[in-house]
Amino acid sequence: MARARKPVVAGWFTEAGPHTDDGAAAQDTGADQDFRLIGTRCQDCGSVFFPREDTFCRNPVCSGTTLEEIPLSRRGHVWSYTDGRYRPPAPYVSDPAREWEPYVLVAVELAAERMVVLGQAAPGTALADLAVGMEVELVPGVLNEDDETTWTTWHWQPLGGTR
């Protein structure tokens, strides 16, 4: 039986396109071109927020309360990066019976939104594969799987070029 796919946090990103039976994203279909992080923009001052804000503008000089949902840029540039070499505490989900595998975290500057968004690098990306200023692209990812559910998230995939 196929696992249900559920976002780790509902409303933070759109759902990805078709997937193969093992849960991996389908290749070369262009189906994931619509995969986006979802932010909100204050209609009074234009400030953009991620994670999204649905109640009031977080800009301290604005008292706006009307926010519109917007898709964020799919591409950005590496602002900073590091690796996680320890098993983080709850609520992070990891199998204590498995050997811990370090992962790479990337802070990505989205120029159009004038913000930096943190996320894991795509699987297989090592620290040596990254450089500050390198262009990266948002791709769908998997945070965890159990017997019934594949918990989806986003990853940043290096594209190679720097600005």
N, C-alpha and C. Protein backbone atom coordinates (compact mmCIF):
# COMPACT_ATOMS: atom_id res chain seq x y z
N MET A 1 0.84 -1.19 0.00
CA MET A 1 0.00 0.00 0.00
C MET A 1 0.88 1.24 0.00
N ALA A 2 0.54 2.22 -0.80
CA ALA A 2 1.31 3.46 -0.90
C ALA A 2 1.11 4.31 0.35
N ARG A 3 2.18 4.99 0.75
CA ARG A 3 2.10 5.89 1.89
C ARG A 3 1.37 7.18 1.49
N ALA A 4 0.65 7.75 2.42
CA ALA A 4 0.04 9.06 2.20
C ALA A 4 1.14 10.10 2.26
N ARG A 5 1.09 11.11 1.40
CA ARG A 5 2.07 12.20 1.40
C ARG A 5 1.44 13.38 2.12
N LYS A 6 2.13 13.87 3.16
CA LYS A 6 1.62 15.00 3.93
C LYS A 6 2.75 15.99 4.16
N PRO A 7 2.45 17.28 4.01
CA PRO A 7 3.48 18.28 4.29
C PRO A 7 3.81 18.31 5.78
N VAL A 8 5.07 18.56 6.09
CA VAL A 8 5.49 18.67 7.48
C VAL A 8 4.73 19.79 8.16
N VAL A 9 4.58 20.92 7.47
CA VAL A 9 3.78 22.04 7.98
C VAL A 9 2.82 22.45 6.87
N ALA A 10 1.54 22.27 7.11
CA ALA A 10 0.53 22.61 6.11
C ALA A 10 0.54 24.11 5.83
N GLY A 11 0.45 24.47 4.55
CA GLY A 11 0.35 25.86 4.16
C GLY A 11 1.66 26.58 3.94
N TRP A 12 2.79 25.91 4.16
CA TRP A 12 4.09 26.56 3.97
C TRP A 12 4.63 26.38 2.56
N PHE A 13 4.15 25.37 1.83
CA PHE A 13 4.59 25.15 0.46
C PHE A 13 3.49 24.42 -0.30
N THR A 14 3.58 24.53 -1.63
CA THR A 14 2.61 23.84 -2.48
C THR A 14 3.00 22.38 -2.58
N GLU A 15 2.09 21.57 -3.01
CA GLU A 15 2.40 20.16 -3.20
C GLU A 15 3.19 19.99 -4.48
N ALA A 16 4.08 19.01 -4.49
CA ALA A 16 4.89 18.72 -5.67
C ALA A 16 4.06 17.94 -6.68
N GLY A 17 4.64 17.75 -7.85
CA GLY A 17 3.99 17.00 -8.91
C GLY A 17 4.01 15.51 -8.67
N PRO A 18 3.82 14.72 -9.71
CA PRO A 18 3.75 13.26 -9.59
C PRO A 18 5.02 12.67 -8.98
N HIS A 19 4.87 11.53 -8.34
CA HIS A 19 5.98 10.82 -7.71
C HIS A 19 5.97 9.36 -8.14
N THR A 20 7.14 8.76 -8.04
CA THR A 20 7.25 7.35 -8.38
C THR A 20 6.73 6.51 -7.22
N ASP A 21 6.65 5.21 -7.40
CA ASP A 21 6.13 4.33 -6.36
C ASP A 21 6.93 4.39 -5.07
N ASP A 22 8.24 4.70 -5.14
CA ASP A 22 9.05 4.76 -3.93
C ASP A 22 9.00 6.12 -3.26
N GLY A 23 8.17 7.04 -3.78
CA GLY A 23 8.01 8.34 -3.17
C GLY A 23 8.93 9.41 -3.74
N ALA A 24 9.86 9.04 -4.60
CA ALA A 24 10.78 10.01 -5.18
C ALA A 24 10.04 10.86 -6.22
N ALA A 25 10.50 12.07 -6.40
CA ALA A 25 9.88 12.94 -7.40
C ALA A 25 10.11 12.36 -8.79
N ALA A 26 9.09 12.45 -9.63
CA ALA A 26 9.23 12.00 -11.01
C ALA A 26 10.29 12.85 -11.71
N GLN A 27 11.11 12.26 -12.53
CA GLN A 27 12.21 12.96 -13.18
C GLN A 27 11.82 13.51 -14.54
N ASP A 28 12.40 14.67 -14.87
CA ASP A 28 12.33 15.25 -16.21
C ASP A 28 10.91 15.45 -16.73
N THR A 29 9.95 15.67 -15.87
CA THR A 29 8.59 15.89 -16.35
C THR A 29 8.21 17.36 -16.29
N GLY A 30 9.00 18.14 -15.55
CA GLY A 30 8.63 19.53 -15.34
C GLY A 30 7.50 19.66 -14.35
N ALA A 31 7.07 18.55 -13.76
CA ALA A 31 5.93 18.55 -12.85
C ALA A 31 6.18 19.35 -11.59
N ASP A 32 7.44 19.49 -11.19
CA ASP A 32 7.74 20.20 -9.95
C ASP A 32 7.99 21.69 -10.17
N GLN A 33 7.77 22.18 -11.39
CA GLN A 33 7.98 23.60 -11.67
C GLN A 33 7.03 24.49 -10.86
N ASP A 34 5.90 23.94 -10.42
CA ASP A 34 4.95 24.71 -9.64
C ASP A 34 5.17 24.56 -8.14
N PHE A 35 6.17 23.79 -7.73
CA PHE A 35 6.47 23.61 -6.31
C PHE A 35 7.06 24.92 -5.79
N ARG A 36 6.40 25.53 -4.81
CA ARG A 36 6.83 26.84 -4.29
C ARG A 36 6.62 26.91 -2.80
N LEU A 37 7.48 27.68 -2.15
CA LEU A 37 7.21 28.09 -0.77
C LEU A 37 6.13 29.15 -0.85
N ILE A 38 5.28 29.21 0.16
CA ILE A 38 4.18 30.16 0.18
C ILE A 38 4.41 31.15 1.31
N GLY A 39 4.43 32.42 0.95
CA GLY A 39 4.58 33.49 1.93
C GLY A 39 3.35 34.36 1.92
N THR A 40 3.42 35.43 2.66
CA THR A 40 2.36 36.42 2.64
C THR A 40 2.99 37.80 2.52
N ARG A 41 2.24 38.73 1.91
CA ARG A 41 2.71 40.10 1.74
C ARG A 41 1.68 41.05 2.33
N CYS A 42 2.17 42.01 3.11
CA CYS A 42 1.30 43.04 3.67
C CYS A 42 0.87 43.97 2.55
N GLN A 43 -0.44 44.21 2.43
CA GLN A 43 -0.93 45.09 1.38
C GLN A 43 -0.65 46.56 1.69
N ASP A 44 -0.37 46.88 2.96
CA ASP A 44 -0.10 48.28 3.30
C ASP A 44 1.35 48.67 3.03
N CYS A 45 2.33 47.86 3.48
CA CYS A 45 3.74 48.26 3.36
C CYS A 45 4.54 47.41 2.38
N GLY A 46 3.97 46.28 1.92
CA GLY A 46 4.65 45.43 0.96
C GLY A 46 5.64 44.44 1.56
N SER A 47 5.77 44.40 2.89
CA SER A 47 6.68 43.44 3.52
C SER A 47 6.22 42.02 3.23
N VAL A 48 7.20 41.14 2.97
CA VAL A 48 6.92 39.74 2.67
C VAL A 48 7.39 38.88 3.83
N PHE A 49 6.62 37.85 4.17
CA PHE A 49 6.93 37.01 5.33
C PHE A 49 6.95 35.53 4.97
N PHE A 50 7.94 34.85 5.49
CA PHE A 50 7.99 33.39 5.49
C PHE A 50 8.72 32.99 6.76
N PRO A 51 8.15 32.13 7.58
CA PRO A 51 6.85 31.51 7.36
C PRO A 51 5.74 32.57 7.26
N ARG A 52 4.70 32.14 6.63
CA ARG A 52 3.57 33.02 6.36
C ARG A 52 3.02 33.65 7.63
N GLU A 53 2.40 34.78 7.48
CA GLU A 53 1.70 35.48 8.56
C GLU A 53 0.30 35.75 8.07
N ASP A 54 -0.69 35.39 8.86
CA ASP A 54 -2.08 35.55 8.41
C ASP A 54 -2.89 36.53 9.25
N THR A 55 -2.29 37.11 10.30
CA THR A 55 -3.06 37.95 11.20
C THR A 55 -2.71 39.42 11.12
N PHE A 56 -1.41 39.75 11.20
CA PHE A 56 -1.00 41.15 11.20
C PHE A 56 0.40 41.26 10.60
N CYS A 57 0.75 42.45 10.17
CA CYS A 57 2.07 42.70 9.59
C CYS A 57 3.11 42.67 10.71
N ARG A 58 4.19 41.90 10.50
CA ARG A 58 5.25 41.81 11.51
C ARG A 58 6.26 42.95 11.39
N ASN A 59 6.10 43.81 10.38
CA ASN A 59 6.97 44.97 10.25
C ASN A 59 6.63 45.92 11.40
N PRO A 60 7.61 46.25 12.28
CA PRO A 60 7.30 47.04 13.47
C PRO A 60 6.81 48.45 13.19
N VAL A 61 7.01 48.99 11.98
CA VAL A 61 6.54 50.34 11.68
C VAL A 61 5.23 50.33 10.89
N CYS A 62 4.60 49.16 10.76
CA CYS A 62 3.36 49.05 9.99
C CYS A 62 2.27 48.44 10.88
N SER A 63 1.06 48.96 10.75
CA SER A 63 -0.06 48.40 11.52
C SER A 63 -1.04 47.67 10.61
N GLY A 64 -0.58 47.27 9.44
CA GLY A 64 -1.44 46.59 8.48
C GLY A 64 -1.95 45.25 8.99
N THR A 65 -3.14 44.90 8.55
CA THR A 65 -3.73 43.61 8.92
C THR A 65 -4.24 42.84 7.70
N THR A 66 -4.05 43.41 6.51
CA THR A 66 -4.49 42.72 5.30
C THR A 66 -3.26 42.13 4.62
N LEU A 67 -3.21 40.80 4.63
CA LEU A 67 -2.07 40.09 4.04
C LEU A 67 -2.57 39.19 2.93
N GLU A 68 -1.81 39.15 1.83
CA GLU A 68 -2.17 38.29 0.71
C GLU A 68 -1.14 37.17 0.57
N GLU A 69 -1.63 36.00 0.22
CA GLU A 69 -0.76 34.84 0.01
C GLU A 69 -0.04 35.01 -1.32
N ILE A 70 1.29 34.75 -1.31
CA ILE A 70 2.07 34.85 -2.54
C ILE A 70 3.05 33.68 -2.63
N PRO A 71 3.30 33.20 -3.84
CA PRO A 71 4.35 32.19 -4.01
C PRO A 71 5.71 32.90 -4.00
N LEU A 72 6.68 32.31 -3.31
CA LEU A 72 8.01 32.91 -3.25
C LEU A 72 8.86 32.44 -4.43
N SER A 73 9.95 33.12 -4.67
CA SER A 73 10.86 32.77 -5.76
C SER A 73 11.35 31.34 -5.61
N ARG A 74 11.52 30.65 -6.72
CA ARG A 74 12.03 29.28 -6.71
C ARG A 74 13.54 29.24 -6.69
N ARG A 75 14.18 30.33 -7.07
CA ARG A 75 15.64 30.37 -7.12
C ARG A 75 16.16 31.50 -6.25
N GLY A 76 17.34 31.25 -5.69
CA GLY A 76 18.00 32.25 -4.88
C GLY A 76 19.49 31.96 -4.87
N HIS A 77 20.21 32.66 -4.00
CA HIS A 77 21.66 32.49 -3.89
C HIS A 77 22.03 32.14 -2.45
N VAL A 78 23.01 31.27 -2.32
CA VAL A 78 23.47 30.84 -1.00
C VAL A 78 23.99 32.06 -0.25
N TRP A 79 23.41 32.31 0.90
CA TRP A 79 23.82 33.39 1.78
C TRP A 79 24.80 32.85 2.81
N SER A 80 24.53 31.61 3.28
CA SER A 80 25.39 30.91 4.23
C SER A 80 25.02 29.44 4.23
N TYR A 81 25.87 28.61 4.81
CA TYR A 81 25.57 27.17 4.90
C TYR A 81 26.41 26.54 6.00
N THR A 82 25.95 25.41 6.49
CA THR A 82 26.65 24.66 7.53
C THR A 82 26.15 23.22 7.50
N ASP A 83 26.75 22.39 8.33
CA ASP A 83 26.25 21.01 8.42
C ASP A 83 25.80 20.72 9.84
N GLY A 84 24.84 19.81 9.95
CA GLY A 84 24.33 19.35 11.24
C GLY A 84 24.97 18.02 11.57
N ARG A 85 25.90 18.02 12.49
CA ARG A 85 26.64 16.79 12.79
C ARG A 85 26.14 16.09 14.06
N TYR A 86 25.08 16.58 14.64
CA TYR A 86 24.52 15.96 15.83
C TYR A 86 23.05 15.67 15.62
N ARG A 87 22.53 14.73 16.38
CA ARG A 87 21.10 14.41 16.31
C ARG A 87 20.36 15.46 17.13
N PRO A 88 19.56 16.29 16.48
CA PRO A 88 18.85 17.33 17.22
C PRO A 88 17.76 16.73 18.12
N PRO A 89 17.37 17.48 19.14
CA PRO A 89 16.33 17.00 20.05
C PRO A 89 14.94 17.10 19.41
N ALA A 90 13.96 16.50 20.06
CA ALA A 90 12.56 16.59 19.63
C ALA A 90 12.20 18.07 19.56
N PRO A 91 11.36 18.47 18.64
CA PRO A 91 10.44 17.64 17.87
C PRO A 91 11.03 17.08 16.59
N TYR A 92 12.34 17.28 16.31
CA TYR A 92 12.94 16.69 15.12
C TYR A 92 12.76 15.18 15.18
N VAL A 93 12.40 14.59 14.05
CA VAL A 93 12.12 13.16 14.02
C VAL A 93 13.32 12.42 13.44
N SER A 94 13.85 11.47 14.19
CA SER A 94 14.90 10.61 13.66
C SER A 94 14.82 9.26 14.37
N ASP A 95 15.27 8.25 13.69
CA ASP A 95 15.23 6.89 14.22
C ASP A 95 16.47 6.66 15.08
N PRO A 96 16.32 6.54 16.40
CA PRO A 96 17.48 6.37 17.27
C PRO A 96 18.24 5.07 17.03
N ALA A 97 17.61 4.11 16.34
CA ALA A 97 18.28 2.84 16.06
C ALA A 97 19.24 2.95 14.87
N ARG A 98 19.07 3.99 14.05
CA ARG A 98 19.93 4.17 12.88
C ARG A 98 21.10 5.09 13.21
N GLU A 99 22.23 4.84 12.56
CA GLU A 99 23.39 5.71 12.72
C GLU A 99 23.04 7.11 12.21
N TRP A 100 23.48 8.13 12.94
CA TRP A 100 23.18 9.50 12.55
C TRP A 100 23.97 9.88 11.30
N GLU A 101 23.29 10.48 10.33
CA GLU A 101 23.94 10.96 9.12
C GLU A 101 23.85 12.48 9.08
N PRO A 102 25.00 13.17 9.03
CA PRO A 102 24.96 14.63 8.96
C PRO A 102 24.18 15.11 7.73
N TYR A 103 23.65 16.29 7.83
CA TYR A 103 22.91 16.90 6.73
C TYR A 103 23.41 18.33 6.57
N VAL A 104 23.13 18.92 5.43
CA VAL A 104 23.60 20.27 5.13
C VAL A 104 22.42 21.23 5.18
N LEU A 105 22.60 22.33 5.92
CA LEU A 105 21.61 23.41 5.98
C LEU A 105 22.09 24.57 5.12
N VAL A 106 21.15 25.18 4.41
CA VAL A 106 21.49 26.29 3.52
C VAL A 106 20.56 27.47 3.82
N ALA A 107 21.16 28.64 4.00
CA ALA A 107 20.40 29.89 4.11
C ALA A 107 20.44 30.52 2.73
N VAL A 108 19.27 30.73 2.13
CA VAL A 108 19.17 31.18 0.75
C VAL A 108 18.53 32.57 0.69
N GLU A 109 19.23 33.49 0.03
CA GLU A 109 18.71 34.83 -0.16
C GLU A 109 17.79 34.85 -1.38
N LEU A 110 16.55 35.27 -1.15
CA LEU A 110 15.59 35.46 -2.23
C LEU A 110 15.57 36.97 -2.51
N ALA A 111 16.21 37.38 -3.59
CA ALA A 111 16.41 38.80 -3.87
C ALA A 111 15.09 39.56 -4.03
N ALA A 112 14.15 38.99 -4.78
CA ALA A 112 12.89 39.69 -5.04
C ALA A 112 12.11 39.96 -3.76
N GLU A 113 12.19 39.03 -2.81
CA GLU A 113 11.44 39.16 -1.56
C GLU A 113 12.24 39.86 -0.47
N ARG A 114 13.56 40.06 -0.73
CA ARG A 114 14.46 40.70 0.23
C ARG A 114 14.44 39.96 1.57
N MET A 115 14.65 38.63 1.50
CA MET A 115 14.66 37.81 2.70
C MET A 115 15.58 36.62 2.52
N VAL A 116 15.90 35.97 3.63
CA VAL A 116 16.71 34.76 3.63
C VAL A 116 15.85 33.64 4.20
N VAL A 117 15.83 32.49 3.49
CA VAL A 117 15.03 31.34 3.90
C VAL A 117 15.98 30.16 4.15
N LEU A 118 15.81 29.50 5.28
CA LEU A 118 16.63 28.37 5.66
C LEU A 118 15.97 27.07 5.20
N GLY A 119 16.78 26.10 4.83
CA GLY A 119 16.27 24.78 4.47
C GLY A 119 17.42 23.81 4.31
N GLN A 120 17.10 22.53 4.24
CA GLN A 120 18.13 21.53 4.00
C GLN A 120 18.53 21.54 2.54
N ALA A 121 19.79 21.20 2.29
CA ALA A 121 20.24 21.00 0.92
C ALA A 121 19.65 19.69 0.41
N ALA A 122 19.53 19.56 -0.89
CA ALA A 122 19.02 18.33 -1.49
C ALA A 122 19.92 17.16 -1.12
N PRO A 123 19.34 15.97 -0.95
CA PRO A 123 20.14 14.79 -0.62
C PRO A 123 21.31 14.63 -1.59
N GLY A 124 22.45 14.25 -1.04
CA GLY A 124 23.65 14.07 -1.85
C GLY A 124 24.50 15.31 -1.96
N THR A 125 24.02 16.45 -1.44
CA THR A 125 24.78 17.69 -1.47
C THR A 125 25.69 17.75 -0.25
N ALA A 126 26.98 17.92 -0.48
CA ALA A 126 27.96 18.03 0.60
C ALA A 126 28.37 19.49 0.77
N LEU A 127 28.98 19.80 1.91
CA LEU A 127 29.47 21.16 2.14
C LEU A 127 30.38 21.62 1.01
N ALA A 128 31.22 20.71 0.52
CA ALA A 128 32.17 21.05 -0.54
C ALA A 128 31.48 21.40 -1.86
N ASP A 129 30.20 21.07 -1.99
CA ASP A 129 29.46 21.36 -3.22
C ASP A 129 28.89 22.78 -3.23
N LEU A 130 28.98 23.48 -2.09
CA LEU A 130 28.35 24.79 -1.95
C LEU A 130 29.38 25.91 -1.85
N ALA A 131 28.95 27.11 -2.21
CA ALA A 131 29.75 28.31 -2.05
C ALA A 131 28.80 29.48 -1.85
N VAL A 132 29.19 30.45 -1.03
CA VAL A 132 28.39 31.64 -0.86
C VAL A 132 28.23 32.30 -2.23
N GLY A 133 27.00 32.70 -2.55
CA GLY A 133 26.70 33.32 -3.84
C GLY A 133 26.23 32.34 -4.90
N MET A 134 26.39 31.04 -4.66
CA MET A 134 25.98 30.03 -5.64
C MET A 134 24.46 30.06 -5.81
N GLU A 135 24.00 29.88 -7.04
CA GLU A 135 22.57 29.82 -7.30
C GLU A 135 22.03 28.44 -6.91
N VAL A 136 20.88 28.45 -6.25
CA VAL A 136 20.20 27.21 -5.86
C VAL A 136 18.73 27.32 -6.26
N GLU A 137 18.09 26.15 -6.35
CA GLU A 137 16.69 26.09 -6.74
C GLU A 137 15.91 25.26 -5.74
N LEU A 138 14.70 25.68 -5.46
CA LEU A 138 13.81 24.97 -4.57
C LEU A 138 13.32 23.69 -5.22
N VAL A 139 13.42 22.57 -4.49
CA VAL A 139 12.92 21.29 -4.99
C VAL A 139 12.14 20.60 -3.86
N PRO A 140 11.16 19.76 -4.21
CA PRO A 140 10.44 19.02 -3.17
C PRO A 140 11.36 18.02 -2.51
N GLY A 141 11.08 17.74 -1.23
CA GLY A 141 11.89 16.79 -0.50
C GLY A 141 11.07 15.99 0.49
N VAL A 142 11.74 15.05 1.14
CA VAL A 142 11.12 14.21 2.16
C VAL A 142 11.90 14.41 3.46
N LEU A 143 11.19 14.70 4.55
CA LEU A 143 11.83 14.83 5.84
C LEU A 143 11.89 13.50 6.56
N ASN A 144 10.80 12.74 6.50
CA ASN A 144 10.72 11.49 7.24
C ASN A 144 9.62 10.62 6.63
N GLU A 145 9.73 9.32 6.88
CA GLU A 145 8.70 8.38 6.45
C GLU A 145 8.44 7.40 7.58
N ASP A 146 7.19 7.03 7.74
CA ASP A 146 6.85 5.94 8.65
C ASP A 146 6.02 4.94 7.84
N ASP A 147 5.42 3.98 8.50
CA ASP A 147 4.68 2.94 7.78
C ASP A 147 3.52 3.49 6.97
N GLU A 148 2.94 4.61 7.39
CA GLU A 148 1.74 5.12 6.75
C GLU A 148 1.94 6.42 5.99
N THR A 149 2.96 7.22 6.36
CA THR A 149 3.05 8.57 5.83
C THR A 149 4.46 8.93 5.37
N THR A 150 4.53 9.64 4.26
CA THR A 150 5.75 10.30 3.81
C THR A 150 5.57 11.78 4.12
N TRP A 151 6.41 12.31 5.01
CA TRP A 151 6.32 13.71 5.44
C TRP A 151 7.17 14.55 4.50
N THR A 152 6.51 15.43 3.73
CA THR A 152 7.19 16.20 2.70
C THR A 152 7.67 17.55 3.22
N THR A 153 8.71 18.07 2.57
CA THR A 153 9.29 19.37 2.91
C THR A 153 9.90 19.96 1.65
N TRP A 154 10.82 20.90 1.79
CA TRP A 154 11.54 21.48 0.66
C TRP A 154 13.03 21.30 0.87
N HIS A 155 13.76 21.32 -0.22
CA HIS A 155 15.22 21.28 -0.20
C HIS A 155 15.73 22.33 -1.18
N TRP A 156 17.00 22.70 -1.01
CA TRP A 156 17.66 23.62 -1.95
C TRP A 156 18.68 22.81 -2.76
N GLN A 157 18.54 22.84 -4.08
CA GLN A 157 19.39 22.10 -5.01
C GLN A 157 20.38 23.06 -5.67
N PRO A 158 21.69 22.83 -5.51
CA PRO A 158 22.68 23.70 -6.16
C PRO A 158 22.56 23.65 -7.69
N LEU A 159 22.70 24.82 -8.31
CA LEU A 159 22.69 24.88 -9.77
C LEU A 159 24.09 25.14 -10.32
N GLY A 160 25.04 25.49 -9.46
CA GLY A 160 26.43 25.59 -9.88
C GLY A 160 26.99 26.98 -10.03
N GLY A 161 26.28 27.88 -10.66
CA GLY A 161 26.84 29.21 -10.91
C GLY A 161 26.79 30.12 -9.70
N THR A 162 27.72 31.06 -9.63
CA THR A 162 27.70 32.08 -8.57
C THR A 162 27.49 33.44 -9.22
N ARG A 163 27.07 34.37 -8.41
CA ARG A 163 26.85 35.72 -8.98
C ARG A 163 28.11 36.53 -8.96
